[in-house]
Amino acid sequence: MKHHVTVGVDGSRESRAAALWGAREAALRDVPLRLVHSVDWLISPAVPGLGGEEGGRWADEVLTEALEDVRRRHPGLEVSTRSLSGRPAAALAAEAADAGLLVLGSRGVGGLVGFLVGSVSLSTLVATETPVTLVRVSDAPEEASPIRYGEIVLGIDIHEAADKVLTFAFEEADRRGCALRAIHGWQMPSMYQYAPFFDPENEREVGRNVAVMLDDMLMPWRHKFPSVSVIREAFMGPAGQQLVRAAARADLVVVGRRLRRSPLGVHLGSVTHAVLHHAAAPVAVIAHD
């Protein structure tokens, strides 16, 4: 059975953008699209005028609107809808268990509403091991414009075994027929801050070694995906800033997150956190050990 693409919708402009982006991704993968909406059973009884019947009617309207929007853009795509009950993050994470990709709308942070919407996306992201892509309103495909794919930007750490992240990024670039820009940021060892005499050649030597390690890490995937043009960038400095800059010309930014089993709070690395909140392109977050 082919893995489908699942999109969480809630009637907002952000979820409409997510539905359209997810439909394009499903068409690229040649898999079905599933639109899902979750009614929060802990909150809806406390909202005047929103009982079980009204909540069900609202869910139907949200799903129907998203379905019609997608079918208008992608008439040949297989699309289904599903109404869920429960806390949105938990319900979406459970629904994504058998999906190849979960797509969510995000307003990022900025103001109370933006923070609340972002918190649902982040909570869902860390509750599932399925790849998750966060899409903003500006990422929705234009109504009549032809599809032109930009490059895929990959944030990679040479000190971690991130096979899932690399595979996802190369597969996405291969589907789109576009280049993959692999970015790694590094820092000099902390001991050099206290060295009485600093030799610039040491920094250059570390940079050369890091570049070789990055090339070695990418090599198996370059052989597996020979049609993907790879641009390698290894530089000294914060990786998050460079990824955010590269996102301005990217179709998608791919980053990883380490799987952590602690139930306390949202666990994201500093680079992934920076990209999620500041990148202009959709961001795919891939969980890995």
Protein backbone atom coordinates (compact mmCIF):
# COMPACT_ATOMS: atom_id res chain seq x y z
CA MET A 1 0.00 0.00 0.00
CA LYS A 2 1.38 3.41 -0.97
CA HIS A 3 1.79 5.88 1.88
CA HIS A 4 -0.62 8.79 1.60
CA VAL A 5 -0.11 12.46 2.49
CA THR A 6 -2.18 13.69 5.44
CA VAL A 7 -3.08 17.35 5.95
CA GLY A 8 -4.60 18.85 9.09
CA VAL A 9 -7.25 21.47 8.26
CA ASP A 10 -9.22 23.80 10.53
CA GLY A 11 -10.78 26.36 8.20
CA SER A 12 -7.98 28.91 8.56
CA ARG A 13 -5.98 30.49 5.74
CA GLU A 14 -2.95 28.61 7.06
CA SER A 15 -4.66 25.24 6.75
CA ARG A 16 -5.88 26.12 3.24
CA ALA A 17 -2.27 26.78 2.26
CA ALA A 18 -1.28 23.47 3.86
CA ALA A 19 -4.02 21.60 1.95
CA LEU A 20 -2.91 23.03 -1.40
CA TRP A 21 0.76 22.38 -0.68
CA GLY A 22 -0.03 18.85 0.52
CA ALA A 23 -2.08 18.19 -2.63
CA ARG A 24 0.87 19.21 -4.79
CA GLU A 25 3.13 16.93 -2.75
CA ALA A 26 0.70 14.00 -3.06
CA ALA A 27 0.57 14.53 -6.83
CA LEU A 28 4.39 14.54 -6.94
CA ARG A 29 4.51 11.29 -4.98
CA ASP A 30 1.57 9.78 -6.90
CA VAL A 31 -0.22 8.88 -3.66
CA PRO A 32 -3.66 9.73 -2.21
CA LEU A 33 -4.31 12.83 -0.11
CA ARG A 34 -6.20 12.67 3.19
CA LEU A 35 -7.70 15.82 4.73
CA VAL A 36 -8.40 15.57 8.45
CA HIS A 37 -10.03 17.87 11.00
CA SER A 38 -10.00 17.40 14.76
CA VAL A 39 -12.66 18.72 17.14
CA ASP A 40 -11.20 19.34 20.60
CA TRP A 41 -13.63 17.52 22.87
CA LEU A 42 -12.19 19.19 25.99
CA ILE A 43 -12.78 22.72 24.70
CA SER A 44 -15.88 22.54 22.50
CA PRO A 45 -18.36 21.78 25.34
CA ALA A 46 -17.19 24.95 27.10
CA VAL A 47 -17.85 27.17 24.08
CA PRO A 48 -21.44 28.50 24.04
CA GLY A 49 -23.40 27.25 21.06
CA LEU A 50 -20.82 24.64 20.09
CA GLY A 51 -22.23 21.28 21.10
CA GLY A 52 -21.62 17.90 19.56
CA GLU A 53 -24.01 18.47 16.67
CA GLU A 54 -22.67 21.96 15.93
CA GLY A 55 -19.09 20.70 16.20
CA GLY A 56 -19.82 17.93 13.72
CA ARG A 57 -21.45 20.38 11.31
CA TRP A 58 -18.47 22.69 11.57
CA ALA A 59 -16.08 19.81 10.87
CA ASP A 60 -18.09 18.83 7.80
CA GLU A 61 -18.00 22.39 6.48
CA VAL A 62 -14.25 22.72 7.04
CA LEU A 63 -13.52 19.41 5.30
CA THR A 64 -15.92 20.08 2.42
CA GLU A 65 -14.40 23.50 1.74
CA ALA A 66 -10.87 22.08 1.76
CA LEU A 67 -11.91 19.15 -0.44
CA GLU A 68 -13.52 21.39 -3.05
CA ASP A 69 -10.49 23.68 -3.07
CA VAL A 70 -8.10 20.78 -3.66
CA ARG A 71 -10.24 19.10 -6.31
CA ARG A 72 -10.49 22.38 -8.21
CA ARG A 73 -6.69 22.53 -8.42
CA HIS A 74 -6.02 18.77 -8.75
CA PRO A 75 -9.04 17.10 -10.38
CA GLY A 76 -7.25 13.79 -10.92
CA LEU A 77 -5.96 13.41 -7.36
CA GLU A 78 -7.47 10.78 -5.05
CA VAL A 79 -8.68 12.70 -1.98
CA SER A 80 -10.51 11.56 1.16
CA THR A 81 -11.63 13.34 4.33
CA ARG A 82 -11.81 12.30 7.95
CA SER A 83 -13.20 13.95 11.07
CA LEU A 84 -11.34 13.22 14.32
CA SER A 85 -12.25 13.71 17.96
CA GLY A 86 -9.77 14.66 20.65
CA ARG A 87 -7.00 17.10 21.38
CA PRO A 88 -5.72 18.23 17.96
CA ALA A 89 -2.03 17.45 18.49
CA ALA A 90 -2.65 13.93 19.79
CA ALA A 91 -5.36 13.18 17.22
CA LEU A 92 -3.25 14.42 14.29
CA ALA A 93 -0.19 12.50 15.50
CA ALA A 94 -2.21 9.28 15.75
CA GLU A 95 -3.74 9.87 12.31
CA ALA A 96 -0.27 10.41 10.82
CA ALA A 97 1.03 7.04 12.02
CA ASP A 98 0.38 5.35 8.66
CA ALA A 99 1.09 8.41 6.48
CA GLY A 100 4.25 9.12 4.51
CA LEU A 101 4.00 12.82 5.34
CA LEU A 102 1.94 15.07 7.61
CA VAL A 103 1.38 18.66 6.44
CA LEU A 104 0.26 21.40 8.83
CA GLY A 105 -0.42 25.10 8.49
CA SER A 106 1.57 27.40 10.74
CA ARG A 107 1.52 31.08 11.59
CA GLY A 108 4.76 30.76 13.52
CA VAL A 109 5.06 33.10 16.50
CA GLY A 110 3.99 36.70 16.79
CA GLY A 111 0.99 37.69 18.85
CA LEU A 112 -1.21 35.47 20.98
CA VAL A 113 -3.10 33.82 18.13
CA GLY A 114 0.07 33.05 16.21
CA PHE A 115 1.62 31.50 19.31
CA LEU A 116 -1.39 29.30 19.98
CA VAL A 117 -1.53 28.03 16.41
CA GLY A 118 2.21 27.45 16.48
CA SER A 119 1.96 25.51 19.73
CA VAL A 120 -0.44 22.99 18.17
CA SER A 121 1.91 22.48 15.22
CA LEU A 122 4.93 22.06 17.48
CA SER A 123 3.10 19.70 19.83
CA THR A 124 1.99 17.58 16.89
CA LEU A 125 5.48 17.61 15.43
CA VAL A 126 7.13 16.17 18.54
CA ALA A 127 4.32 13.63 19.09
CA THR A 128 4.88 11.77 15.81
CA GLU A 129 7.80 10.05 14.08
CA THR A 130 6.21 10.72 10.68
CA PRO A 131 7.92 13.47 8.65
CA VAL A 132 6.07 16.77 9.21
CA THR A 133 6.06 19.80 6.90
CA LEU A 134 4.93 23.17 8.23
CA VAL A 135 3.45 25.51 5.62
CA ARG A 136 2.62 29.20 5.85
CA VAL A 137 0.03 31.18 3.89
CA SER A 138 2.65 32.54 1.49
CA ASP A 139 3.67 28.98 0.58
CA ALA A 140 0.34 28.12 -1.09
CA PRO A 141 0.75 27.54 -4.87
CA GLU A 142 -0.59 30.37 -7.02
CA GLU A 143 -3.93 29.75 -8.73
CA ALA A 144 -2.77 29.70 -12.35
CA SER A 145 1.01 29.86 -12.22
CA PRO A 146 3.08 26.98 -13.63
CA ILE A 147 5.00 24.95 -11.06
CA ARG A 148 8.65 25.96 -10.88
CA TYR A 149 10.61 24.16 -8.24
CA GLY A 150 13.40 25.90 -6.37
CA GLU A 151 16.24 24.05 -4.71
CA ILE A 152 15.90 21.90 -1.61
CA VAL A 153 17.91 23.21 1.34
CA LEU A 154 19.17 20.58 3.80
CA GLY A 155 20.51 21.35 7.25
CA ILE A 156 22.81 18.51 8.24
CA ASP A 157 25.00 17.75 11.27
CA ILE A 158 28.06 15.65 10.37
CA HIS A 159 28.27 14.45 13.98
CA GLU A 160 24.89 12.69 13.90
CA ALA A 161 23.71 9.58 12.04
CA ALA A 162 20.82 11.16 10.11
CA ASP A 163 20.11 8.66 7.33
CA LYS A 164 16.36 9.39 7.42
CA VAL A 165 16.96 13.12 6.99
CA LEU A 166 19.33 12.60 4.06
CA THR A 167 17.02 10.10 2.35
CA PHE A 168 14.02 12.44 2.65
CA ALA A 169 15.94 15.42 1.27
CA PHE A 170 17.42 13.55 -1.69
CA GLU A 171 14.06 11.95 -2.55
CA GLU A 172 12.35 15.35 -2.52
CA ALA A 173 15.03 16.87 -4.77
CA ASP A 174 14.83 13.87 -7.10
CA ARG A 175 11.02 14.19 -7.41
CA ARG A 176 11.28 17.86 -8.27
CA GLY A 177 14.31 17.54 -10.53
CA CYS A 178 16.03 20.32 -8.60
CA ALA A 179 19.32 20.89 -6.81
CA LEU A 180 19.99 20.04 -3.18
CA ARG A 181 21.97 22.52 -1.07
CA ALA A 182 23.48 20.76 1.96
CA ILE A 183 24.50 23.17 4.72
CA HIS A 184 26.60 22.45 7.81
CA GLY A 185 27.83 25.03 10.32
CA TRP A 186 30.78 24.38 12.62
CA GLN A 187 32.65 26.07 15.46
CA MET A 188 36.26 25.93 16.56
CA PRO A 189 36.85 23.86 19.73
CA SER A 190 36.31 25.92 22.86
CA MET A 191 39.96 25.46 23.94
CA TYR A 192 41.03 27.87 21.20
CA GLN A 193 39.33 30.72 23.03
CA TYR A 194 42.00 30.44 25.72
CA ALA A 195 45.04 29.80 23.52
CA PRO A 196 47.67 32.57 24.01
CA PHE A 197 48.61 32.49 20.33
CA PHE A 198 46.04 31.75 17.66
CA ASP A 199 47.24 30.33 14.36
CA PRO A 200 44.75 31.07 11.53
CA GLU A 201 46.02 27.95 9.76
CA ASN A 202 44.40 25.85 12.51
CA GLU A 203 41.01 27.29 11.57
CA ARG A 204 41.60 26.64 7.89
CA GLU A 205 42.65 23.06 8.61
CA VAL A 206 39.52 22.40 10.67
CA GLY A 207 37.42 23.87 7.85
CA ARG A 208 39.05 21.55 5.30
CA ASN A 209 38.48 18.52 7.54
CA VAL A 210 34.83 19.43 8.08
CA ALA A 211 34.29 19.79 4.33
CA VAL A 212 35.79 16.34 3.75
CA MET A 213 33.56 14.83 6.45
CA LEU A 214 30.49 16.45 4.90
CA ASP A 215 31.44 15.12 1.45
CA ASP A 216 31.91 11.64 2.91
CA MET A 217 28.51 11.82 4.58
CA LEU A 218 26.78 12.84 1.35
CA MET A 219 28.61 10.40 -0.93
CA PRO A 220 26.32 7.32 -0.54
CA TRP A 221 23.24 9.39 -1.39
CA ARG A 222 24.95 11.09 -4.33
CA HIS A 223 25.61 7.63 -5.76
CA LYS A 224 22.03 6.54 -5.07
CA PHE A 225 20.55 9.70 -6.63
CA PRO A 226 22.98 10.55 -9.46
CA SER A 227 20.55 12.95 -11.12
CA VAL A 228 20.44 15.25 -8.08
CA SER A 229 22.87 18.14 -8.29
CA VAL A 230 24.38 18.72 -4.83
CA ILE A 231 25.77 22.01 -3.57
CA ARG A 232 27.82 21.57 -0.40
CA GLU A 233 28.33 24.42 2.07
CA ALA A 234 30.45 23.95 5.19
CA PHE A 235 31.20 27.17 7.04
CA MET A 236 32.16 28.42 10.48
CA GLY A 237 29.21 30.01 12.22
CA PRO A 238 25.59 29.38 13.31
CA ALA A 239 23.85 26.97 10.93
CA GLY A 240 20.41 28.39 11.71
CA GLN A 241 21.20 31.83 10.25
CA GLN A 242 22.61 30.36 7.05
CA LEU A 243 19.62 28.04 6.61
CA VAL A 244 17.18 30.91 7.08
CA ARG A 245 19.02 32.95 4.44
CA ALA A 246 19.08 30.01 2.01
CA ALA A 247 15.34 29.43 2.56
CA ALA A 248 14.56 32.64 0.66
CA ARG A 249 15.28 30.88 -2.64
CA ALA A 250 14.21 27.36 -1.65
CA ASP A 251 11.17 25.25 -2.42
CA LEU A 252 11.62 23.39 0.86
CA VAL A 253 13.96 23.35 3.86
CA VAL A 254 14.70 19.95 5.44
CA VAL A 255 15.99 19.64 9.00
CA GLY A 256 16.15 16.83 11.53
CA ARG A 257 15.19 16.44 15.15
CA ARG A 258 16.49 13.89 17.60
CA LEU A 259 13.89 11.52 19.02
CA ARG A 260 13.54 12.13 22.74
CA ARG A 261 11.25 10.02 24.87
CA SER A 262 10.77 12.53 27.72
CA PRO A 263 7.13 13.71 28.03
CA LEU A 264 8.24 17.08 29.42
CA GLY A 265 7.87 19.91 26.97
CA VAL A 266 8.75 20.44 23.33
CA HIS A 267 12.23 19.21 22.45
CA LEU A 268 13.81 20.78 19.38
CA GLY A 269 17.41 21.67 18.66
CA SER A 270 18.36 25.32 18.38
CA VAL A 271 18.91 25.09 14.61
CA THR A 272 15.55 23.44 13.93
CA HIS A 273 13.81 25.91 16.24
CA ALA A 274 15.34 28.89 14.40
CA VAL A 275 14.41 27.53 10.98
CA LEU A 276 10.82 26.75 12.01
CA HIS A 277 10.21 30.28 13.22
CA HIS A 278 12.14 32.32 10.68
CA ALA A 279 12.47 30.45 7.37
CA ALA A 280 10.45 31.85 4.47
CA ALA A 281 9.98 28.42 2.83
CA PRO A 282 8.01 25.37 4.01
CA VAL A 283 10.00 23.40 6.57
CA ALA A 284 10.10 19.59 6.73
CA VAL A 285 11.17 18.16 10.09
CA ILE A 286 12.40 14.57 10.04
CA ALA A 287 12.65 12.60 13.29
CA HIS A 288 15.71 10.39 13.69
CA ASP A 289 17.51 8.45 16.42
